[in-house]
């Protein structure tokens, strides 16, 4: 992923550093309400519903 894309996502509050080397990506509904967090890492991927 390009560094500029990561920087924009981070500046917008859509990206977090999680535990065990995971990255957390916020998903939003069309009305901008949080839909949940996608979590990706070397040994884990998943989705947590809600904000």
PDB file of N, CA and C in Angstrom:
ATOM      1  N   UNK A   1       0.846  -1.162   0.000  1.00  0.00           N
ATOM      2  CA  UNK A   1       0.000   0.000   0.000  1.00  0.00           C
ATOM      3  C   UNK A   1       0.900   1.236   0.000  1.00  0.00           C
ATOM      4  N   UNK A   2       0.598   2.222  -0.822  1.00  0.00           N
ATOM      5  CA  UNK A   2       1.428   3.433  -0.870  1.00  0.00           C
ATOM      6  C   UNK A   2       1.434   4.184   0.471  1.00  0.00           C
ATOM      7  N   UNK A   3       2.573   4.729   0.813  1.00  0.00           N
ATOM      8  CA  UNK A   3       2.716   5.468   2.075  1.00  0.00           C
ATOM      9  C   UNK A   3       1.736   6.624   2.172  1.00  0.00           C
ATOM     10  N   UNK A   4       1.459   7.294   1.047  1.00  0.00           N
ATOM     11  CA  UNK A   4       0.519   8.426   1.066  1.00  0.00           C
ATOM     12  C   UNK A   4      -0.893   7.962   1.428  1.00  0.00           C
ATOM     13  N   UNK A   5      -1.288   6.786   0.972  1.00  0.00           N
ATOM     14  CA  UNK A   5      -2.610   6.234   1.303  1.00  0.00           C
ATOM     15  C   UNK A   5      -2.698   5.922   2.785  1.00  0.00           C
ATOM     16  N   UNK A   6      -1.649   5.336   3.329  1.00  0.00           N
ATOM     17  CA  UNK A   6      -1.610   5.041   4.758  1.00  0.00           C
ATOM     18  C   UNK A   6      -1.666   6.330   5.569  1.00  0.00           C
ATOM     19  N   UNK A   7      -0.940   7.336   5.146  1.00  0.00           N
ATOM     20  CA  UNK A   7      -0.934   8.623   5.858  1.00  0.00           C
ATOM     21  C   UNK A   7      -2.322   9.261   5.840  1.00  0.00           C
ATOM     22  N   UNK A   8      -3.003   9.230   4.696  1.00  0.00           N
ATOM     23  CA  UNK A   8      -4.358   9.811   4.615  1.00  0.00           C
ATOM     24  C   UNK A   8      -5.333   9.047   5.513  1.00  0.00           C
ATOM     25  N   UNK A   9      -5.260   7.714   5.507  1.00  0.00           N
ATOM     26  CA  UNK A   9      -6.141   6.911   6.356  1.00  0.00           C
ATOM     27  C   UNK A   9      -5.865   7.184   7.831  1.00  0.00           C
ATOM     28  N   UNK A  10      -4.605   7.311   8.188  1.00  0.00           N
ATOM     29  CA  UNK A  10      -4.245   7.610   9.566  1.00  0.00           C
ATOM     30  C   UNK A  10      -4.738   8.998   9.972  1.00  0.00           C
ATOM     31  N   UNK A  11      -4.544   9.976   9.115  1.00  0.00           N
ATOM     32  CA  UNK A  11      -4.991  11.346   9.407  1.00  0.00           C
ATOM     33  C   UNK A  11      -6.509  11.424   9.564  1.00  0.00           C
ATOM     34  N   UNK A  12      -7.235  10.562   8.849  1.00  0.00           N
ATOM     35  CA  UNK A  12      -8.698  10.553   8.911  1.00  0.00           C
ATOM     36  C   UNK A  12      -9.227   9.710  10.075  1.00  0.00           C
ATOM     37  N   UNK A  13      -8.326   9.098  10.854  1.00  0.00           N
ATOM     38  CA  UNK A  13      -8.751   8.289  11.990  1.00  0.00           C
ATOM     39  C   UNK A  13      -9.296   6.927  11.594  1.00  0.00           C
ATOM     40  N   UNK A  14      -8.921   6.443  10.422  1.00  0.00           N
ATOM     41  CA  UNK A  14      -9.432   5.171   9.917  1.00  0.00           C
ATOM     42  C   UNK A  14      -8.479   4.008  10.138  1.00  0.00           C
ATOM     43  N   UNK A  15      -7.337   4.267  10.694  1.00  0.00           N
ATOM     44  CA  UNK A  15      -6.289   3.263  10.828  1.00  0.00           C
ATOM     45  C   UNK A  15      -5.747   3.275  12.249  1.00  0.00           C
ATOM     46  N   UNK A  16      -5.590   2.090  12.811  1.00  0.00           N
ATOM     47  CA  UNK A  16      -5.022   1.967  14.158  1.00  0.00           C
ATOM     48  C   UNK A  16      -4.009   0.828  14.155  1.00  0.00           C
ATOM     49  N   UNK A  17      -3.053   0.912  15.041  1.00  0.00           N
ATOM     50  CA  UNK A  17      -2.119  -0.185  15.258  1.00  0.00           C
ATOM     51  C   UNK A  17      -2.690  -1.058  16.364  1.00  0.00           C
ATOM     52  N   UNK A  18      -2.855  -2.336  16.084  1.00  0.00           N
ATOM     53  CA  UNK A  18      -3.401  -3.262  17.061  1.00  0.00           C
ATOM     54  C   UNK A  18      -2.314  -4.090  17.725  1.00  0.00           C
ATOM     55  N   UNK A  19      -2.739  -5.079  18.464  1.00  0.00           N
ATOM     56  CA  UNK A  19      -1.800  -5.947  19.167  1.00  0.00           C
ATOM     57  C   UNK A  19      -1.242  -7.013  18.231  1.00  0.00           C
ATOM     58  N   UNK A  20      -0.100  -7.543  18.604  1.00  0.00           N
ATOM     59  CA  UNK A  20       0.543  -8.651  17.884  1.00  0.00           C
ATOM     60  C   UNK A  20       0.799  -8.342  16.410  1.00  0.00           C
ATOM     61  N   UNK A  21       1.150  -7.109  16.101  1.00  0.00           N
ATOM     62  CA  UNK A  21       1.493  -6.742  14.727  1.00  0.00           C
ATOM     63  C   UNK A  21       0.313  -6.588  13.802  1.00  0.00           C
ATOM     64  N   UNK A  22      -0.883  -6.364  14.352  1.00  0.00           N
ATOM     65  CA  UNK A  22      -2.056  -6.194  13.506  1.00  0.00           C
ATOM     66  C   UNK A  22      -2.280  -4.726  13.182  1.00  0.00           C
ATOM     67  N   UNK A  23      -2.956  -4.501  12.073  1.00  0.00           N
ATOM     68  CA  UNK A  23      -3.430  -3.175  11.699  1.00  0.00           C
ATOM     69  C   UNK A  23      -4.950  -3.233  11.716  1.00  0.00           C
ATOM     70  N   UNK A  24      -5.599  -2.190  12.216  1.00  0.00           N
ATOM     71  CA  UNK A  24      -7.051  -2.136  12.311  1.00  0.00           C
ATOM     72  C   UNK A  24      -7.553  -1.039  11.381  1.00  0.00           C
ATOM     73  N   UNK A  25      -8.534  -1.377  10.546  1.00  0.00           N
ATOM     74  CA  UNK A  25      -9.080  -0.458   9.553  1.00  0.00           C
ATOM     75  C   UNK A  25     -10.563  -0.243   9.832  1.00  0.00           C
ATOM     76  N   UNK A  26     -10.950   1.001  10.048  1.00  0.00           N
ATOM     77  CA  UNK A  26     -12.345   1.332  10.337  1.00  0.00           C
ATOM     78  C   UNK A  26     -13.155   1.325   9.046  1.00  0.00           C
ATOM     79  N   UNK A  27     -14.292   0.626   9.066  1.00  0.00           N
ATOM     80  CA  UNK A  27     -15.256   0.656   7.965  1.00  0.00           C
ATOM     81  C   UNK A  27     -16.445   1.483   8.414  1.00  0.00           C
ATOM     82  N   UNK A  28     -16.995   2.270   7.496  1.00  0.00           N
ATOM     83  CA  UNK A  28     -18.146   3.130   7.818  1.00  0.00           C
ATOM     84  C   UNK A  28     -19.296   2.853   6.867  1.00  0.00           C
ATOM     85  N   UNK A  29     -20.518   3.083   7.370  1.00  0.00           N
ATOM     86  CA  UNK A  29     -21.709   3.030   6.535  1.00  0.00           C
ATOM     87  C   UNK A  29     -21.783   4.306   5.702  1.00  0.00           C
ATOM     88  N   UNK A  30     -22.707   4.354   4.753  1.00  0.00           N
ATOM     89  CA  UNK A  30     -22.881   5.523   3.885  1.00  0.00           C
ATOM     90  C   UNK A  30     -23.177   6.791   4.688  1.00  0.00           C
ATOM     91  N   UNK A  31     -23.845   6.646   5.852  1.00  0.00           N
ATOM     92  CA  UNK A  31     -24.166   7.818   6.686  1.00  0.00           C
ATOM     93  C   UNK A  31     -23.016   8.202   7.613  1.00  0.00           C
ATOM     94  N   UNK A  32     -21.840   7.603   7.415  1.00  0.00           N
ATOM     95  CA  UNK A  32     -20.605   7.878   8.151  1.00  0.00           C
ATOM     96  C   UNK A  32     -20.558   7.231   9.536  1.00  0.00           C
ATOM     97  N   UNK A  33     -21.588   6.480   9.912  1.00  0.00           N
ATOM     98  CA  UNK A  33     -21.568   5.771  11.192  1.00  0.00           C
ATOM     99  C   UNK A  33     -20.594   4.592  11.105  1.00  0.00           C
ATOM    100  N   UNK A  34     -19.890   4.280  12.190  1.00  0.00           N
ATOM    101  CA  UNK A  34     -18.960   3.143  12.166  1.00  0.00           C
ATOM    102  C   UNK A  34     -19.687   1.822  11.937  1.00  0.00           C
ATOM    103  N   UNK A  35     -19.174   1.019  11.019  1.00  0.00           N
ATOM    104  CA  UNK A  35     -19.737  -0.304  10.746  1.00  0.00           C
ATOM    105  C   UNK A  35     -18.951  -1.379  11.493  1.00  0.00           C
ATOM    106  N   UNK A  36     -17.661  -1.137  11.703  1.00  0.00           N
ATOM    107  CA  UNK A  36     -16.818  -2.095  12.401  1.00  0.00           C
ATOM    108  C   UNK A  36     -15.366  -1.923  12.029  1.00  0.00           C
ATOM    109  N   UNK A  37     -14.535  -2.768  12.621  1.00  0.00           N
ATOM    110  CA  UNK A  37     -13.090  -2.719  12.396  1.00  0.00           C
ATOM    111  C   UNK A  37     -12.625  -4.002  11.731  1.00  0.00           C
ATOM    112  N   UNK A  38     -11.882  -3.863  10.650  1.00  0.00           N
ATOM    113  CA  UNK A  38     -11.212  -4.991  10.019  1.00  0.00           C
ATOM    114  C   UNK A  38      -9.826  -5.086  10.634  1.00  0.00           C
ATOM    115  N   UNK A  39      -9.435  -6.289  11.041  1.00  0.00           N
ATOM    116  CA  UNK A  39      -8.131  -6.493  11.672  1.00  0.00           C
ATOM    117  C   UNK A  39      -7.312  -7.442  10.811  1.00  0.00           C
ATOM    118  N   UNK A  40      -6.107  -7.012  10.483  1.00  0.00           N
ATOM    119  CA  UNK A  40      -5.214  -7.823   9.657  1.00  0.00           C
ATOM    120  C   UNK A  40      -3.836  -7.872  10.292  1.00  0.00           C
ATOM    121  N   UNK A  41      -3.239  -9.039  10.262  1.00  0.00           N
ATOM    122  CA  UNK A  41      -1.893  -9.197  10.783  1.00  0.00           C
ATOM    123  C   UNK A  41      -1.231 -10.422  10.190  1.00  0.00           C
ATOM    124  N   UNK A  42      -0.007 -10.705  10.620  1.00  0.00           N
ATOM    125  CA  UNK A  42       0.728 -11.832  10.067  1.00  0.00           C
ATOM    126  C   UNK A  42       0.043 -13.180  10.304  1.00  0.00           C
ATOM    127  N   UNK A  43      -0.687 -13.305  11.413  1.00  0.00           N
ATOM    128  CA  UNK A  43      -1.319 -14.587  11.735  1.00  0.00           C
ATOM    129  C   UNK A  43      -2.814 -14.457  12.008  1.00  0.00           C
ATOM    130  N   UNK A  44      -3.422 -13.317  11.722  1.00  0.00           N
ATOM    131  CA  UNK A  44      -4.820 -13.107  12.056  1.00  0.00           C
ATOM    132  C   UNK A  44      -5.473 -12.183  11.047  1.00  0.00           C
ATOM    133  N   UNK A  45      -6.726 -12.474  10.714  1.00  0.00           N
ATOM    134  CA  UNK A  45      -7.550 -11.523   9.994  1.00  0.00           C
ATOM    135  C   UNK A  45      -8.987 -11.744  10.455  1.00  0.00           C
ATOM    136  N   UNK A  46      -9.698 -10.650  10.634  1.00  0.00           N
ATOM    137  CA  UNK A  46     -11.053 -10.760  11.116  1.00  0.00           C
ATOM    138  C   UNK A  46     -11.766  -9.421  11.052  1.00  0.00           C
ATOM    139  N   UNK A  47     -13.017  -9.408  11.516  1.00  0.00           N
ATOM    140  CA  UNK A  47     -13.828  -8.206  11.491  1.00  0.00           C
ATOM    141  C   UNK A  47     -14.649  -8.166  12.775  1.00  0.00           C
ATOM    142  N   UNK A  48     -14.673  -7.022  13.430  1.00  0.00           N
ATOM    143  CA  UNK A  48     -15.482  -6.809  14.619  1.00  0.00           C
ATOM    144  C   UNK A  48     -16.576  -5.817  14.274  1.00  0.00           C
ATOM    145  N   UNK A  49     -17.830  -6.239  14.393  1.00  0.00           N
ATOM    146  CA  UNK A  49     -18.960  -5.364  14.074  1.00  0.00           C
ATOM    147  C   UNK A  49     -19.091  -4.257  15.109  1.00  0.00           C
ATOM    148  N   UNK A  50     -19.629  -3.130  14.678  1.00  0.00           N
ATOM    149  CA  UNK A  50     -19.891  -2.016  15.569  1.00  0.00           C
ATOM    150  C   UNK A  50     -18.723  -1.057  15.610  1.00  0.00           C
ATOM    151  N   UNK A  51     -18.894   0.015  16.350  1.00  0.00           N
ATOM    152  CA  UNK A  51     -17.892   1.052  16.397  1.00  0.00           C
ATOM    153  C   UNK A  51     -16.973   0.913  17.532  1.00  0.00           C
TER     154      UNK A  51
END
